[in-house]
Protein backbone atom coordinates (compact mmCIF):
# COMPACT_ATOMS: atom_id res chain seq x y z
CA MET A 1 7.74 -27.78 -9.51
CA LEU A 2 4.18 -26.72 -8.73
CA ASP A 3 1.47 -29.69 -8.28
CA ARG A 4 -1.00 -28.87 -10.91
CA SER A 5 -2.86 -32.35 -10.82
CA PRO A 6 -6.64 -32.11 -11.24
CA ARG A 7 -7.26 -32.85 -7.54
CA HIS A 8 -4.55 -30.55 -6.01
CA LYS A 9 -5.98 -27.59 -4.13
CA ASP A 10 -4.07 -24.33 -3.26
CA PHE A 11 -4.46 -22.97 0.25
CA GLY A 12 -3.35 -19.42 0.69
CA VAL A 13 -3.30 -16.38 3.09
CA PHE A 14 -4.57 -12.93 2.38
CA LEU A 15 -2.10 -10.88 4.49
CA PRO A 16 -3.62 -8.24 6.78
CA VAL A 17 -1.88 -5.54 4.89
CA ALA A 18 -4.33 -2.89 5.96
CA ASN A 19 -5.51 -2.39 9.49
CA GLY A 20 -8.81 -3.97 10.22
CA GLY A 21 -8.49 -6.84 7.86
CA TRP A 22 -11.42 -8.22 6.17
CA ILE A 23 -14.07 -7.91 8.88
CA VAL A 24 -15.32 -4.36 9.20
CA SER A 25 -15.97 -4.34 12.87
CA LYS A 26 -15.13 -2.43 16.07
CA THR A 27 -15.00 -5.72 17.97
CA THR A 28 -12.63 -8.01 16.37
CA PRO A 29 -8.90 -8.61 17.45
CA ALA A 30 -6.61 -5.69 16.59
CA LEU A 31 -4.95 -5.84 13.12
CA ASP A 32 -2.72 -2.78 12.45
CA GLY A 33 -1.78 -3.48 8.85
CA LEU A 34 1.89 -3.11 9.90
CA TYR A 35 5.04 -5.22 9.04
CA ALA A 36 5.51 -7.23 12.12
CA GLN A 37 2.08 -8.70 11.81
CA ASN A 38 2.31 -9.29 8.18
CA ARG A 39 5.79 -10.97 8.54
CA ALA A 40 4.69 -13.33 11.24
CA ALA A 41 1.54 -14.21 9.39
CA ALA A 42 3.69 -15.04 6.13
CA VAL A 43 6.20 -16.83 8.07
CA ALA A 44 3.47 -19.03 9.91
CA ALA A 45 1.97 -19.63 6.41
CA ASP A 46 5.26 -20.84 5.15
CA GLN A 47 5.97 -23.13 8.24
CA ILE A 48 2.63 -24.85 8.24
CA GLY A 49 2.83 -25.64 4.39
CA MET A 50 0.31 -23.14 2.86
CA ASP A 51 0.84 -22.66 -0.80
CA PHE A 52 0.90 -18.79 -1.26
CA VAL A 53 0.51 -15.48 0.48
CA MET A 54 -0.94 -12.44 -1.29
CA SER A 55 -1.10 -8.86 -0.40
CA MET A 56 -3.55 -6.22 -1.94
CA ALA A 57 -2.63 -2.84 -3.02
CA LYS A 58 -4.49 -0.08 -1.14
CA PHE A 59 -4.04 3.66 -1.14
CA ARG A 60 -6.99 5.01 0.99
CA GLY A 61 -9.26 3.87 3.53
CA PHE A 62 -12.87 3.90 4.44
CA GLY A 63 -12.99 6.18 7.72
CA GLY A 64 -15.75 4.90 10.03
CA GLU A 65 -15.09 4.56 13.61
CA THR A 66 -12.30 2.14 13.04
CA ASP A 67 -10.56 4.20 10.17
CA HIS A 68 -10.89 0.85 8.23
CA TRP A 69 -7.91 0.46 5.83
CA GLY A 70 -6.77 3.85 6.69
CA ALA A 71 -3.16 2.50 7.23
CA SER A 72 -1.64 -0.01 4.74
CA LEU A 73 1.67 -1.19 3.54
CA GLU A 74 2.62 -1.16 -0.18
CA SER A 75 2.30 -4.28 -1.50
CA VAL A 76 5.53 -4.92 -3.73
CA THR A 77 7.65 -3.52 -1.11
CA LEU A 78 6.19 -5.77 1.47
CA MET A 79 6.28 -8.99 -0.66
CA ALA A 80 9.97 -8.38 -1.35
CA ALA A 81 10.57 -8.55 2.49
CA ILE A 82 8.40 -11.52 2.81
CA ALA A 83 10.24 -13.23 0.26
CA GLU A 84 13.33 -12.99 2.10
CA ALA A 85 11.49 -14.05 5.30
CA THR A 86 10.18 -17.17 3.81
CA THR A 87 11.53 -20.19 2.01
CA ARG A 88 8.98 -22.18 0.07
CA VAL A 89 5.52 -20.29 0.11
CA ARG A 90 4.69 -18.48 -3.16
CA ILE A 91 4.54 -14.76 -3.03
CA TRP A 92 1.96 -12.88 -4.94
CA ALA A 93 2.19 -8.86 -4.87
CA THR A 94 -0.51 -6.65 -6.28
CA VAL A 95 0.03 -3.89 -9.13
CA HIS A 96 -2.52 -1.67 -10.49
CA PRO A 97 -1.70 -1.01 -14.20
CA LEU A 98 -3.04 2.56 -13.99
CA LEU A 99 -0.43 3.38 -11.53
CA GLN A 100 2.57 1.49 -12.72
CA ASN A 101 4.45 1.62 -16.21
CA PRO A 102 4.64 -2.13 -17.34
CA ALA A 103 8.52 -2.06 -17.87
CA VAL A 104 8.79 -0.99 -14.21
CA ALA A 105 6.22 -3.60 -13.02
CA ALA A 106 8.03 -6.41 -14.91
CA LYS A 107 11.25 -5.55 -13.17
CA LEU A 108 9.71 -5.33 -9.84
CA ILE A 109 8.20 -8.86 -10.08
CA SER A 110 11.39 -10.16 -11.64
CA THR A 111 13.40 -8.74 -8.61
CA ILE A 112 10.90 -10.57 -6.07
CA ASP A 113 11.27 -13.58 -8.14
CA HIS A 114 14.94 -13.51 -7.55
CA ILE A 115 14.88 -12.86 -3.91
CA SER A 116 12.36 -15.62 -3.52
CA GLY A 117 14.23 -18.15 -5.75
CA GLY A 118 11.38 -18.46 -8.24
CA ARG A 119 8.32 -18.07 -5.94
CA ALA A 120 6.87 -14.61 -7.32
CA GLY A 121 3.43 -13.98 -8.69
CA LEU A 122 1.75 -10.88 -9.86
CA ASN A 123 -1.86 -10.10 -8.91
CA ILE A 124 -3.27 -7.64 -11.43
CA VAL A 125 -5.79 -5.28 -10.43
CA ALA A 126 -7.26 -3.67 -13.50
CA GLY A 127 -10.22 -1.79 -12.21
CA ALA A 128 -9.97 1.05 -9.76
CA TYR A 129 -11.80 3.09 -7.30
CA LYS A 130 -12.12 6.89 -8.37
CA ALA A 131 -11.57 8.56 -4.98
CA GLU A 132 -8.71 6.41 -4.25
CA PHE A 133 -6.98 7.30 -7.47
CA ASP A 134 -8.24 10.90 -7.82
CA GLN A 135 -6.46 11.90 -4.48
CA MET A 136 -3.10 11.49 -6.45
CA SER A 137 -4.13 12.85 -9.92
CA ALA A 138 -4.24 9.25 -11.31
CA TRP A 139 -7.89 9.03 -12.34
CA ASP A 140 -8.72 9.61 -16.03
CA ASP A 141 -12.30 10.46 -16.51
CA SER A 142 -11.94 9.84 -20.27
CA LEU A 143 -11.26 5.97 -19.62
CA SER A 144 -14.36 3.92 -19.44
CA HIS A 145 -14.61 0.78 -17.68
CA ASP A 146 -13.88 -1.13 -20.68
CA ASP A 147 -11.01 1.16 -21.71
CA ARG A 148 -9.28 0.47 -18.44
CA TYR A 149 -9.48 -3.45 -19.28
CA ALA A 150 -7.93 -2.55 -22.65
CA LEU A 151 -5.26 -0.82 -21.06
CA ALA A 152 -4.64 -3.61 -18.65
CA GLU A 153 -4.56 -6.12 -21.64
CA GLU A 154 -1.88 -4.08 -23.42
CA TRP A 155 -0.01 -3.79 -20.10
CA THR A 156 -0.03 -7.38 -19.30
CA THR A 157 1.09 -8.27 -22.96
CA ILE A 158 4.30 -5.88 -22.24
CA VAL A 159 4.99 -7.53 -19.06
CA LYS A 160 4.84 -10.98 -20.34
CA ARG A 161 6.82 -10.00 -23.46
CA LEU A 162 9.56 -8.44 -21.21
CA TRP A 163 9.86 -11.41 -19.01
CA THR A 164 10.57 -13.49 -22.11
CA GLU A 165 12.13 -11.47 -24.74
CA ASP A 166 15.35 -9.67 -25.21
CA SER A 167 13.70 -6.70 -26.63
CA VAL A 168 10.19 -5.39 -26.88
CA ASP A 169 8.80 -2.89 -29.55
CA PHE A 170 5.04 -2.27 -28.92
CA ALA A 171 2.91 0.39 -30.30
CA GLY A 172 -0.49 0.41 -28.77
CA ARG A 173 -3.19 2.84 -27.80
CA TYR A 174 -2.06 3.14 -24.16
CA PHE A 175 1.71 2.03 -24.31
CA THR A 176 4.66 2.56 -26.41
CA MET A 177 7.80 0.48 -26.02
CA LYS A 178 10.95 1.26 -28.16
CA ASP A 179 13.70 -1.52 -27.81
CA CYS A 180 12.48 -1.93 -24.29
CA GLN A 181 14.91 -4.29 -22.28
CA SER A 182 14.43 -5.95 -18.96
CA ARG A 183 17.05 -8.12 -17.53
CA PRO A 184 17.49 -10.26 -15.49
CA LYS A 185 14.73 -12.54 -16.68
CA PRO A 186 12.47 -14.18 -13.76
CA LEU A 187 13.74 -17.43 -12.50
CA SER A 188 10.02 -18.99 -12.58
CA THR A 189 9.26 -21.21 -15.61
CA PRO A 190 7.97 -20.34 -17.78
CA ARG A 191 7.38 -16.98 -16.06
CA PRO A 192 5.88 -15.62 -12.82
CA GLU A 193 2.31 -16.53 -12.12
CA LEU A 194 -0.42 -14.12 -13.03
CA ILE A 195 -3.56 -13.80 -10.78
CA CYS A 196 -6.76 -11.50 -11.38
CA ALA A 197 -10.01 -11.05 -10.11
CA GLY A 198 -12.77 -9.42 -12.35
CA MET A 199 -16.34 -9.39 -11.35
CA SER A 200 -17.94 -7.55 -14.65
CA ASP A 201 -18.15 -9.36 -17.80
CA ARG A 202 -15.07 -7.50 -19.18
CA GLY A 203 -13.35 -8.32 -16.23
CA PHE A 204 -14.19 -11.71 -16.10
CA GLN A 205 -13.00 -12.01 -19.82
CA PHE A 206 -9.55 -10.38 -19.09
CA SER A 207 -9.04 -12.50 -16.13
CA VAL A 208 -9.73 -15.77 -17.82
CA ARG A 209 -7.68 -14.76 -20.83
CA GLU A 210 -4.46 -13.35 -19.18
CA ALA A 211 -4.18 -14.81 -15.79
CA ASP A 212 -3.33 -18.36 -14.60
CA ALA A 213 -5.80 -18.19 -11.62
CA CYS A 214 -8.62 -15.99 -11.25
CA PHE A 215 -10.57 -14.90 -8.00
CA ILE A 216 -14.37 -15.60 -8.33
CA GLY A 217 -17.15 -14.36 -6.14
CA GLY A 218 -20.83 -14.93 -5.44
CA ARG A 219 -23.42 -14.42 -2.68
CA THR A 220 -24.08 -18.27 -2.80
CA ARG A 221 -22.34 -21.40 -3.28
CA GLU A 222 -24.10 -21.99 -6.36
CA GLU A 223 -23.04 -18.55 -7.69
CA HIS A 224 -19.55 -19.62 -7.02
CA ARG A 225 -20.04 -22.74 -8.72
CA ASP A 226 -21.37 -21.25 -11.83
CA ALA A 227 -18.75 -18.72 -12.05
CA SER A 228 -16.14 -21.44 -11.62
CA ARG A 229 -17.50 -23.31 -14.40
CA ARG A 230 -18.11 -20.28 -16.50
CA ALA A 231 -14.40 -19.48 -16.16
CA LYS A 232 -13.30 -23.02 -17.15
CA ALA A 233 -15.38 -23.19 -20.11
CA LEU A 234 -14.37 -19.81 -21.29
CA ALA A 235 -10.65 -20.60 -20.92
CA ALA A 236 -11.17 -24.02 -22.78
CA ASP A 237 -12.94 -22.03 -25.68
CA LEU A 238 -9.70 -20.06 -25.79
CA GLY A 239 -7.66 -23.13 -25.96
CA ARG A 240 -6.28 -22.70 -22.27
CA THR A 241 -6.86 -23.60 -18.66
CA VAL A 242 -7.36 -21.44 -15.80
CA ARG A 243 -7.70 -22.21 -12.11
CA THR A 244 -10.44 -20.76 -9.92
CA TYR A 245 -9.98 -19.44 -6.49
CA ALA A 246 -12.34 -17.84 -3.81
CA MET A 247 -11.88 -16.00 -0.47
CA CYS A 248 -13.03 -17.36 2.97
CA THR A 249 -12.96 -16.04 6.46
CA VAL A 250 -12.49 -18.64 9.08
CA ILE A 251 -13.97 -17.99 12.50
CA HIS A 252 -13.05 -20.76 15.01
CA ALA A 253 -13.19 -21.62 18.86
CA GLU A 254 -13.08 -24.82 20.76
CA SER A 255 -16.71 -25.48 20.21
CA ASP A 256 -19.39 -24.36 17.42
CA ALA A 257 -21.33 -22.50 20.04
CA GLY A 258 -18.32 -20.56 21.00
CA ALA A 259 -17.31 -19.83 17.41
CA GLN A 260 -20.87 -18.74 16.52
CA ALA A 261 -20.61 -16.37 19.73
CA LEU A 262 -17.63 -14.98 18.20
CA ALA A 263 -19.14 -14.31 14.80
CA ARG A 264 -22.08 -12.78 16.44
CA ARG A 265 -20.00 -10.26 18.43
CA TYR A 266 -18.04 -9.15 15.36
CA ALA A 267 -21.22 -8.76 13.47
CA GLU A 268 -22.89 -6.67 16.27
CA GLY A 269 -19.63 -4.42 16.07
CA ALA A 270 -19.96 -3.94 12.45
CA ASP A 271 -18.61 -0.20 11.69
CA MET A 272 -21.40 0.79 9.45
CA GLY A 273 -19.80 4.11 8.53
CA ALA A 274 -16.83 2.45 6.96
CA ILE A 275 -19.10 -0.27 5.36
CA LEU A 276 -20.98 2.61 3.73
CA ALA A 277 -17.99 4.35 2.49
CA MET A 278 -16.59 0.78 1.07
CA LEU A 279 -19.80 0.25 -0.75
CA ARG A 280 -20.03 3.66 -2.01
CA SER A 281 -16.40 3.31 -3.55
CA TRP A 282 -17.62 0.15 -5.26
CA GLY A 283 -20.14 2.15 -7.01
CA VAL A 284 -23.28 0.98 -5.15
CA PRO A 285 -26.17 3.45 -6.05
CA ALA A 286 -27.17 5.68 -3.28
CA ASP A 287 -30.70 4.48 -3.18
CA ARG A 288 -29.56 0.91 -2.60
CA LEU A 289 -26.48 1.73 -0.31
CA GLN A 290 -28.19 1.33 3.18
CA ALA A 291 -30.00 -1.94 2.36
CA THR A 292 -26.76 -3.42 0.82
CA ALA A 293 -24.72 -2.42 3.73
CA GLU A 294 -27.10 -3.99 6.04
CA ARG A 295 -27.13 -7.18 4.02
CA GLN A 296 -23.29 -7.35 3.96
CA GLY A 297 -22.66 -6.59 7.44
CA ALA A 298 -19.18 -6.93 8.85
CA PHE A 299 -18.11 -9.88 6.79
CA MET A 300 -16.59 -9.22 3.42
CA THR A 301 -16.11 -12.81 2.19
CA GLN A 302 -17.87 -16.17 2.53
CA THR A 303 -17.35 -17.34 6.29
CA VAL A 304 -16.96 -20.57 7.86
CA VAL A 305 -17.75 -20.83 11.62
CA GLY A 306 -17.20 -23.63 14.01
CA SER A 307 -14.86 -25.76 15.77
CA PRO A 308 -11.81 -26.85 13.81
CA ALA A 309 -13.53 -30.07 12.89
CA THR A 310 -16.61 -27.99 11.75
CA CYS A 311 -14.46 -25.37 9.86
CA ARG A 312 -12.71 -28.30 8.03
CA GLU A 313 -15.98 -29.74 7.09
CA GLN A 314 -17.27 -26.55 5.78
CA ILE A 315 -14.20 -25.67 3.80
CA GLN A 316 -14.04 -29.09 2.03
CA ALA A 317 -17.95 -28.72 1.23
CA PHE A 318 -17.26 -25.20 0.02
CA MET A 319 -14.29 -26.09 -2.31
CA THR A 320 -16.08 -29.38 -3.65
CA THR A 321 -19.61 -27.71 -4.25
CA CYS A 322 -18.03 -24.73 -5.78
CA GLU A 323 -15.68 -26.57 -7.99
CA LEU A 324 -12.76 -24.53 -6.85
CA ASP A 325 -9.06 -24.97 -7.32
CA GLY A 326 -7.83 -22.81 -4.40
CA LEU A 327 -8.94 -20.86 -1.60
CA MET A 328 -7.49 -17.82 0.14
CA LEU A 329 -7.94 -17.51 3.68
CA ILE A 330 -8.59 -14.75 6.16
CA PHE A 331 -8.70 -14.86 9.88
CA PRO A 332 -9.76 -12.52 12.62
CA ASP A 333 -6.47 -13.33 14.56
CA TYR A 334 -3.76 -14.55 12.23
CA ASP A 335 -1.60 -16.03 14.91
CA GLU A 336 -4.36 -18.13 16.60
CA GLY A 337 -5.92 -18.83 13.28
CA LEU A 338 -2.95 -19.99 11.20
CA ALA A 339 -1.74 -22.41 14.25
CA MET A 340 -5.05 -23.83 14.40
CA PHE A 341 -5.41 -24.29 10.64
CA GLY A 342 -1.89 -25.72 10.38
CA THR A 343 -2.43 -28.53 12.84
CA GLU A 344 -6.28 -29.23 12.84
CA VAL A 345 -7.36 -28.49 9.31
CA LEU A 346 -4.75 -28.30 6.51
CA PRO A 347 -3.47 -31.90 6.94
CA HIS A 348 -7.08 -33.31 6.71
CA LEU A 349 -7.60 -31.07 3.50
CA ARG A 350 -4.43 -32.30 1.96
CA GLU A 351 -5.68 -35.88 2.55
CA ALA A 352 -9.05 -35.22 1.39
CA PHE A 353 -8.00 -33.63 -2.03
CA ALA A 354 -4.94 -36.20 -2.63
């Protein structure tokens, strides 16, 4: 049974499923995006008592000197293997509704749920990046941004029903199901967890309405806090609850000065070619591209930097100030980072949020 007491905080790991991870730099430790590193990270997370591991779904990288995210494993297949390699950590795979029929997606996640003994979750990515999808004829120019979320709502409704109903008939704008059946049902009760991240107003509404937990973002802690409050207020208006999570990169060393030196080295090694391509794919206008890239730099998420004790203090303050229910962690080196986090940070955070 999952702990869902008000004070419980989830701590998870964003697996390094694509080369380079979440620091776009020429000077970080090598992350190849391949299975051995991902399995090792998931097993370590399982052993130290993390709550979940998640992998993204990515089909095209951003080039640059590092060919950032040019090599990536497929999320659902990877997480099926991770389910077999772990014993207690929750397993969250990512699916794009634009790429996968809902009946197939329901079956895929149900399969992972059986492999894992009821630990599966589904991260729904309703938005899309045109170049990434256009390369495989999966982009429909007739669909607007809001249309893609309307499609995702139909898709999610069908997935939920297939997990709980013997037969599904559905006639929508985007999908038609005729006596559609999906067995075996998932082991999770009442169903596998649903996770989503939507930054636009339409995406935010979708996440809060459909998911059990939503990832929020912001440039400052105040923006994170406001997004968390907004999500929970909107959920309350809908008669439901939602948990809010954020992402965080942890850069540690024995001393604060040593960690700060590492962070400077990673920042100085920023792969600007890849960063520019990434921001372009996210829709940043051409006239703001260079300034946005320079402002973002190598780091893609909120970052804590310091000794283990300092990282612990910063994480606790970040979660408290932003009123978060969970944090998904990223490390430059997952072997070293998870070993440190498991012995010197996580036990203290569990005690602080008990």
